[in-house]
Amino acid sequence: MRILVDMDGVLADFEGAFLDRWRAAYPEHPFVPLHKRRTYHPEEEYAPELAQSVRQIYCTATFFRDLAPIPGGLEAVQDMVRSGMEVFLCTSPLRDYQHCVVEKYDWVVRHLGIEWSKRLVLTKDKTIIAGDVLIDDRPSLHGIATPAWEHVLYDQPYNRHVTSKRRLTWKNWREVLGTGL
């Protein structure tokens, strides 16, 4: 079984880092805590005049490199590999990719080791990547192909309106994927 695993919001705590940096940089502006988020893109949760400031937070150097791991995720992907699954990290770089791309590699090497850098796939279109399952927090994924994989949602507050897909956390991944481990 080939499992594709997204990074941001699934293995790496994008939301926590964003909120910490937002509150430090703009203490005078309101913030939206994760449990109140209703949309995938953080800038859609803030006033239009703040959208550029929101993007600046996650486009700055070190943002992606310094993301904390989401508890249980690193152990889960390592357990998947030990159980015989073929696991690849399948992540989309930002349009403003200058820091993002190399920092995603740095993050993988730092948290999973250099061998995992061979398992990292960066693409703007995940539909063209072959796999059985894609674990991703983005509520809907579109591209030029009909994906071969099943989209299993990594549970986040901003995707809970989607009820038509299986939902996974790092506590229930074995049950959801049916591995029996």
Protein backbone atom coordinates (compact mmCIF):
# COMPACT_ATOMS: atom_id res chain seq x y z
CA MET A 1 0.00 0.00 0.00
CA ARG A 2 1.37 3.42 -0.96
CA ILE A 3 0.49 6.18 1.49
CA LEU A 4 1.03 9.84 0.62
CA VAL A 5 1.18 12.13 3.63
CA ASP A 6 0.89 15.91 3.47
CA MET A 7 3.22 17.91 5.70
CA ASP A 8 1.70 21.26 6.75
CA GLY A 9 -1.24 20.79 9.08
CA VAL A 10 -0.70 17.01 9.10
CA LEU A 11 2.89 16.34 10.20
CA ALA A 12 4.07 19.91 10.83
CA ASP A 13 2.15 22.39 12.99
CA PHE A 14 1.61 25.19 10.48
CA GLU A 15 -1.36 26.60 12.41
CA GLY A 16 0.37 26.80 15.78
CA ALA A 17 3.43 28.49 14.29
CA PHE A 18 1.28 30.92 12.34
CA LEU A 19 -0.68 31.95 15.44
CA ASP A 20 2.47 32.33 17.57
CA ARG A 21 4.16 34.51 14.95
CA TRP A 22 1.00 36.50 14.18
CA ARG A 23 0.43 37.36 17.83
CA ALA A 24 4.08 38.34 18.30
CA ALA A 25 4.23 40.47 15.13
CA TYR A 26 0.78 42.06 15.37
CA PRO A 27 -0.35 42.15 19.00
CA GLU A 28 -2.70 45.03 18.17
CA HIS A 29 -4.65 42.92 15.62
CA PRO A 30 -7.21 40.25 16.45
CA PHE A 31 -6.36 36.60 15.82
CA VAL A 32 -8.46 33.56 15.03
CA PRO A 33 -7.63 30.57 17.25
CA LEU A 34 -7.43 27.23 15.46
CA HIS A 35 -10.61 25.84 17.03
CA LYS A 36 -12.56 28.74 15.46
CA ARG A 37 -11.06 28.41 11.98
CA ARG A 38 -13.61 27.64 9.27
CA THR A 39 -11.54 27.95 6.09
CA TYR A 40 -8.37 26.25 4.92
CA HIS A 41 -6.50 29.44 3.95
CA PRO A 42 -5.66 31.52 7.04
CA GLU A 43 -5.86 34.85 5.17
CA GLU A 44 -9.56 34.18 4.47
CA GLU A 45 -10.23 34.32 8.23
CA TYR A 46 -8.88 37.85 8.61
CA ALA A 47 -10.04 41.24 7.36
CA PRO A 48 -9.09 41.81 3.70
CA GLU A 49 -6.71 44.61 4.62
CA LEU A 50 -4.71 42.11 6.75
CA ALA A 51 -4.38 39.40 4.08
CA GLN A 52 -0.93 40.54 2.96
CA SER A 53 0.28 40.62 6.57
CA VAL A 54 -1.04 37.08 7.09
CA ARG A 55 0.85 35.82 4.01
CA GLN A 56 4.02 37.60 5.12
CA ILE A 57 4.03 35.54 8.32
CA TYR A 58 4.28 32.20 6.54
CA CYS A 59 6.45 33.45 3.66
CA THR A 60 9.29 34.57 5.92
CA ALA A 61 12.58 32.74 6.25
CA THR A 62 12.63 29.95 8.87
CA PHE A 63 8.83 29.62 9.07
CA PHE A 64 8.64 26.13 7.53
CA ARG A 65 11.99 24.96 8.87
CA ASP A 66 10.96 25.71 12.45
CA LEU A 67 7.47 24.15 12.47
CA ALA A 68 6.94 21.84 15.42
CA PRO A 69 5.91 18.28 14.63
CA ILE A 70 2.25 17.45 15.24
CA PRO A 71 2.24 14.95 18.12
CA GLY A 72 2.18 11.35 16.97
CA GLY A 73 2.75 12.07 13.28
CA LEU A 74 6.44 11.25 13.01
CA GLU A 75 5.97 8.03 14.93
CA ALA A 76 2.99 7.10 12.75
CA VAL A 77 4.80 7.48 9.42
CA GLN A 78 7.77 5.54 10.77
CA ASP A 79 5.41 2.79 12.00
CA MET A 80 3.76 2.71 8.57
CA VAL A 81 7.13 2.08 6.93
CA ARG A 82 8.04 -0.59 9.49
CA SER A 83 4.73 -2.32 8.76
CA GLY A 84 5.61 -2.56 5.06
CA MET A 85 3.75 0.43 3.67
CA GLU A 86 5.35 2.59 1.04
CA VAL A 87 5.19 6.12 2.51
CA PHE A 88 5.94 9.38 0.74
CA LEU A 89 5.57 12.91 2.04
CA CYS A 90 3.54 14.75 -0.60
CA THR A 91 3.42 18.49 -0.04
CA SER A 92 2.71 21.63 -2.04
CA PRO A 93 5.16 24.52 -1.95
CA LEU A 94 3.87 28.05 -1.66
CA ARG A 95 3.60 30.19 -4.76
CA ASP A 96 6.21 32.41 -3.05
CA TYR A 97 8.51 29.40 -2.67
CA GLN A 98 11.87 31.08 -2.02
CA HIS A 99 12.15 29.80 1.57
CA CYS A 100 9.46 27.15 1.62
CA VAL A 101 11.01 24.52 -0.65
CA VAL A 102 14.43 24.22 0.95
CA GLU A 103 12.94 24.57 4.44
CA LYS A 104 10.58 21.63 3.84
CA TYR A 105 13.64 19.51 3.02
CA ASP A 106 15.41 20.86 6.12
CA TRP A 107 12.37 19.98 8.25
CA VAL A 108 12.23 16.42 6.95
CA VAL A 109 15.95 15.84 7.50
CA ARG A 110 15.81 17.37 10.98
CA HIS A 111 12.79 15.35 12.15
CA LEU A 112 12.98 12.11 10.15
CA GLY A 113 16.56 11.87 8.89
CA ILE A 114 18.33 12.25 5.57
CA GLU A 115 16.88 9.02 4.16
CA TRP A 116 13.39 10.53 4.31
CA SER A 117 14.46 13.31 1.93
CA LYS A 118 14.23 10.62 -0.79
CA ARG A 119 10.56 10.20 0.17
CA LEU A 120 9.69 13.89 -0.23
CA VAL A 121 7.53 14.89 -3.20
CA LEU A 122 6.88 18.59 -3.79
CA THR A 123 4.13 19.33 -6.27
CA LYS A 124 1.45 21.93 -6.89
CA ASP A 125 -0.79 19.17 -8.27
CA LYS A 126 -1.14 16.14 -6.01
CA THR A 127 -3.61 14.50 -8.40
CA ILE A 128 -0.75 13.41 -10.67
CA ILE A 129 1.05 11.50 -7.89
CA ALA A 130 0.24 7.79 -7.71
CA GLY A 131 -0.80 6.29 -4.39
CA ASP A 132 -3.55 4.38 -2.62
CA VAL A 133 -4.26 6.99 0.06
CA LEU A 134 -3.45 10.68 0.45
CA ILE A 135 -3.67 11.93 4.04
CA ASP A 136 -4.22 15.68 3.75
CA ASP A 137 -5.91 18.42 5.79
CA ARG A 138 -7.03 20.38 2.74
CA PRO A 139 -10.78 19.80 2.39
CA SER A 140 -10.73 19.45 -1.40
CA LEU A 141 -7.97 18.82 -3.87
CA HIS A 142 -8.15 19.52 -7.57
CA GLY A 143 -5.75 19.11 -10.44
CA ILE A 144 -5.39 17.97 -14.00
CA ALA A 145 -5.89 14.26 -13.28
CA THR A 146 -8.40 12.06 -11.57
CA PRO A 147 -6.39 10.93 -8.57
CA ALA A 148 -5.59 7.27 -8.08
CA TRP A 149 -5.62 7.78 -4.32
CA GLU A 150 -8.40 8.08 -1.79
CA HIS A 151 -8.34 11.42 -0.02
CA VAL A 152 -8.44 10.74 3.72
CA LEU A 153 -8.83 13.96 5.68
CA TYR A 154 -6.46 14.70 8.51
CA ASP A 155 -8.87 16.14 11.05
CA GLN A 156 -8.68 19.91 11.52
CA PRO A 157 -11.40 22.40 12.57
CA TYR A 158 -11.40 24.04 9.13
CA ASN A 159 -12.29 20.79 7.34
CA ARG A 160 -14.98 19.41 9.64
CA HIS A 161 -17.76 20.55 7.30
CA VAL A 162 -16.68 17.75 4.94
CA THR A 163 -18.54 14.58 5.87
CA SER A 164 -18.09 12.56 2.69
CA LYS A 165 -14.48 11.45 3.38
CA ARG A 166 -12.85 9.24 5.96
CA ARG A 167 -11.18 11.24 8.71
CA LEU A 168 -7.91 10.45 10.44
CA THR A 169 -5.85 11.62 13.40
CA TRP A 170 -2.52 10.22 14.56
CA LYS A 171 -4.39 8.48 17.37
CA ASN A 172 -6.71 6.52 15.04
CA TRP A 173 -4.64 6.07 11.87
CA ARG A 174 -4.36 2.29 12.26
CA GLU A 175 -8.12 1.86 12.47
CA VAL A 176 -8.83 4.26 9.60
CA LEU A 177 -6.26 2.69 7.29
CA GLY A 178 -7.26 -0.80 8.36
CA THR A 179 -3.74 -1.96 9.08
CA GLY A 180 -4.57 -3.99 12.19
CA LEU A 181 -1.28 -2.90 13.79
